[in-house]
Amino acid sequence: MKHTIKISILALTLGLMSFSVAPIVKNATQKATETAPITWKASIIDVGEIPQGTPKLIQYEFTNTGKSTVIITKVQGSCGCTATDYTKEPIAPGKTAVIKATYNASNVGAFTKTVTVTTNVDTTPTVLTFKGTVLGKA
C-alpha cells in the first residue's frame, strides 16, 4: 500500500512538472528578418532566352545588414557549366557586394542552375538560383 502511494505521488509530481510555462518567443519570420546578416537583392534570377554558345553573366547583389563583417568563404556552381567569382575582401556592415556566375550556354533547352554561397555569418549556406532557355543557332 505504501509503495502504491509513493508511486502515485511520484507520478503526480512528474505530471505537474510537465506544465511549466514556456517563454514567449517572437514569430519565427520576424526573428529571422531581424537577425539575417545578409539581404539578397534577388536569390532567383530568370535570364530569359539566351543564344547557344554565348556565355551568360548572372550577378547576385547583396547587402551586409548584420552588425559584423561578412567574409565569403566559398562559392560553388551546381555543375561544371557554371563558373563563379566573388569578392575576397571582407564586406563591412551596410556595404554591398556581388556574386558572379557565368553560365556556359552550350546545351539547347530550358535550364535551372544553382550557386551555393558559404559565409562566416550564416550557419547554413545560401543557395541562389538562375534559370532560362538556351535557343539553338538558326
Protein backbone atom coordinates (compact mmCIF):
# COMPACT_ATOMS: atom_id res chain seq x y z
CA MET A 1 0.00 0.00 0.00
CA LYS A 2 2.77 2.45 0.95
CA HIS A 3 4.54 1.55 -2.29
CA THR A 4 1.42 2.45 -4.32
CA ILE A 5 1.11 5.83 -2.56
CA LYS A 6 4.78 6.64 -3.28
CA ILE A 7 4.36 5.78 -6.98
CA SER A 8 1.17 7.88 -7.16
CA ILE A 9 2.89 10.89 -5.57
CA LEU A 10 5.86 10.50 -7.93
CA ALA A 11 3.54 10.30 -10.98
CA LEU A 12 1.59 13.37 -9.79
CA THR A 13 4.82 15.34 -9.23
CA LEU A 14 6.18 14.45 -12.69
CA GLY A 15 2.82 15.28 -14.26
CA LEU A 16 2.73 18.73 -12.66
CA MET A 17 6.29 19.43 -13.74
CA SER A 18 5.24 18.98 -17.38
CA PHE A 19 3.03 22.08 -17.13
CA SER A 20 5.91 24.53 -16.95
CA VAL A 21 5.47 27.94 -18.54
CA ALA A 22 7.28 28.40 -21.87
CA PRO A 23 8.90 31.76 -22.59
CA ILE A 24 7.23 33.99 -25.17
CA VAL A 25 9.14 33.75 -28.44
CA LYS A 26 8.85 36.21 -31.31
CA ASN A 27 7.32 34.98 -34.51
CA ALA A 28 9.99 32.97 -36.41
CA THR A 29 9.77 35.13 -39.55
CA GLN A 30 10.25 38.32 -37.57
CA LYS A 31 13.20 36.83 -35.69
CA ALA A 32 14.88 35.64 -38.93
CA THR A 33 14.42 39.07 -40.51
CA GLU A 34 15.87 40.86 -37.51
CA THR A 35 18.95 38.64 -37.36
CA ALA A 36 19.60 37.97 -41.06
CA PRO A 37 23.16 39.20 -41.67
CA ILE A 38 22.78 39.26 -45.48
CA THR A 39 19.93 40.63 -47.58
CA TRP A 40 19.91 39.47 -51.21
CA LYS A 41 18.52 41.78 -53.90
CA ALA A 42 17.26 38.61 -55.64
CA SER A 43 18.00 34.97 -54.90
CA ILE A 44 16.29 33.67 -58.05
CA ILE A 45 17.09 35.24 -61.43
CA ASP A 46 15.31 34.41 -64.68
CA VAL A 47 17.70 35.24 -67.53
CA GLY A 48 15.06 34.54 -70.17
CA GLU A 49 16.17 33.33 -73.59
CA ILE A 50 19.87 33.32 -74.39
CA PRO A 51 21.71 32.28 -77.57
CA GLN A 52 23.56 28.98 -77.71
CA GLY A 53 27.33 29.25 -77.48
CA THR A 54 27.31 32.64 -75.72
CA PRO A 55 28.28 32.62 -72.02
CA LYS A 56 25.75 34.45 -69.82
CA LEU A 57 26.85 36.52 -66.79
CA ILE A 58 24.48 36.47 -63.81
CA GLN A 59 25.09 38.80 -60.86
CA TYR A 60 23.62 38.40 -57.37
CA GLU A 61 23.87 41.58 -55.30
CA PHE A 62 23.64 41.53 -51.52
CA THR A 63 23.92 43.93 -48.62
CA ASN A 64 25.51 43.18 -45.25
CA THR A 65 22.60 44.04 -42.95
CA GLY A 66 24.26 42.48 -39.91
CA LYS A 67 26.42 44.00 -37.23
CA SER A 68 29.66 42.20 -38.11
CA THR A 69 31.86 41.92 -41.19
CA VAL A 70 30.87 39.28 -43.75
CA ILE A 71 33.52 37.15 -45.38
CA ILE A 72 32.55 34.93 -48.28
CA THR A 73 34.37 31.66 -47.69
CA LYS A 74 33.15 29.59 -50.65
CA VAL A 75 31.04 29.94 -53.80
CA GLN A 76 30.28 26.87 -55.89
CA GLY A 77 28.19 26.32 -59.02
CA SER A 78 25.99 23.25 -59.28
CA CYS A 79 27.82 21.99 -62.37
CA GLY A 80 30.96 22.46 -64.44
CA CYS A 81 28.95 24.66 -66.84
CA THR A 82 28.87 27.49 -64.27
CA ALA A 83 31.98 29.46 -63.33
CA THR A 84 31.82 31.67 -60.24
CA ASP A 85 33.61 34.73 -58.93
CA TYR A 86 33.21 36.79 -55.78
CA THR A 87 34.90 39.47 -53.73
CA LYS A 88 37.63 38.15 -51.48
CA GLU A 89 37.55 41.34 -49.39
CA PRO A 90 35.53 41.49 -46.13
CA ILE A 91 32.17 43.26 -46.52
CA ALA A 92 31.56 45.75 -43.72
CA PRO A 93 28.08 46.28 -42.22
CA GLY A 94 25.93 48.38 -44.55
CA LYS A 95 28.09 47.67 -47.62
CA THR A 96 27.08 45.75 -50.74
CA ALA A 97 28.89 43.14 -52.82
CA VAL A 98 28.24 40.92 -55.83
CA ILE A 99 28.49 37.18 -56.51
CA LYS A 100 29.06 36.48 -60.22
CA ALA A 101 28.13 33.31 -62.08
CA THR A 102 28.90 32.76 -65.75
CA TYR A 103 26.80 30.10 -67.42
CA ASN A 104 28.20 28.27 -70.45
CA ALA A 105 25.14 28.16 -72.69
CA SER A 106 26.21 25.22 -74.83
CA ASN A 107 23.18 22.93 -74.49
CA VAL A 108 19.88 23.93 -76.12
CA GLY A 109 16.75 23.95 -73.95
CA ALA A 110 15.46 25.07 -70.58
CA PHE A 111 17.83 25.08 -67.63
CA THR A 112 17.84 25.74 -63.89
CA LYS A 113 21.18 26.01 -62.09
CA THR A 114 22.27 26.92 -58.59
CA VAL A 115 25.15 28.71 -56.91
CA THR A 116 25.86 27.86 -53.27
CA VAL A 117 27.36 30.64 -51.13
CA THR A 118 29.03 29.99 -47.78
CA THR A 119 29.94 32.85 -45.43
CA ASN A 120 31.32 33.32 -41.94
CA VAL A 121 27.98 34.66 -40.62
CA ASP A 122 25.42 32.09 -41.79
CA THR A 123 25.27 28.61 -40.31
CA THR A 124 23.66 27.26 -43.48
CA PRO A 125 24.93 28.05 -46.99
CA THR A 126 22.65 30.17 -49.20
CA VAL A 127 21.50 28.59 -52.45
CA LEU A 128 20.96 31.07 -55.29
CA THR A 129 19.15 30.02 -58.47
CA PHE A 130 19.16 31.13 -62.09
CA LYS A 131 17.09 29.78 -64.92
CA GLY A 132 16.26 30.38 -68.56
CA THR A 133 16.24 28.82 -72.00
CA VAL A 134 19.14 28.38 -74.41
CA LEU A 135 17.99 28.89 -78.01
CA GLY A 136 19.60 26.89 -80.79
CA LYS A 137 21.51 28.58 -83.57
CA ALA A 138 19.26 29.48 -86.50
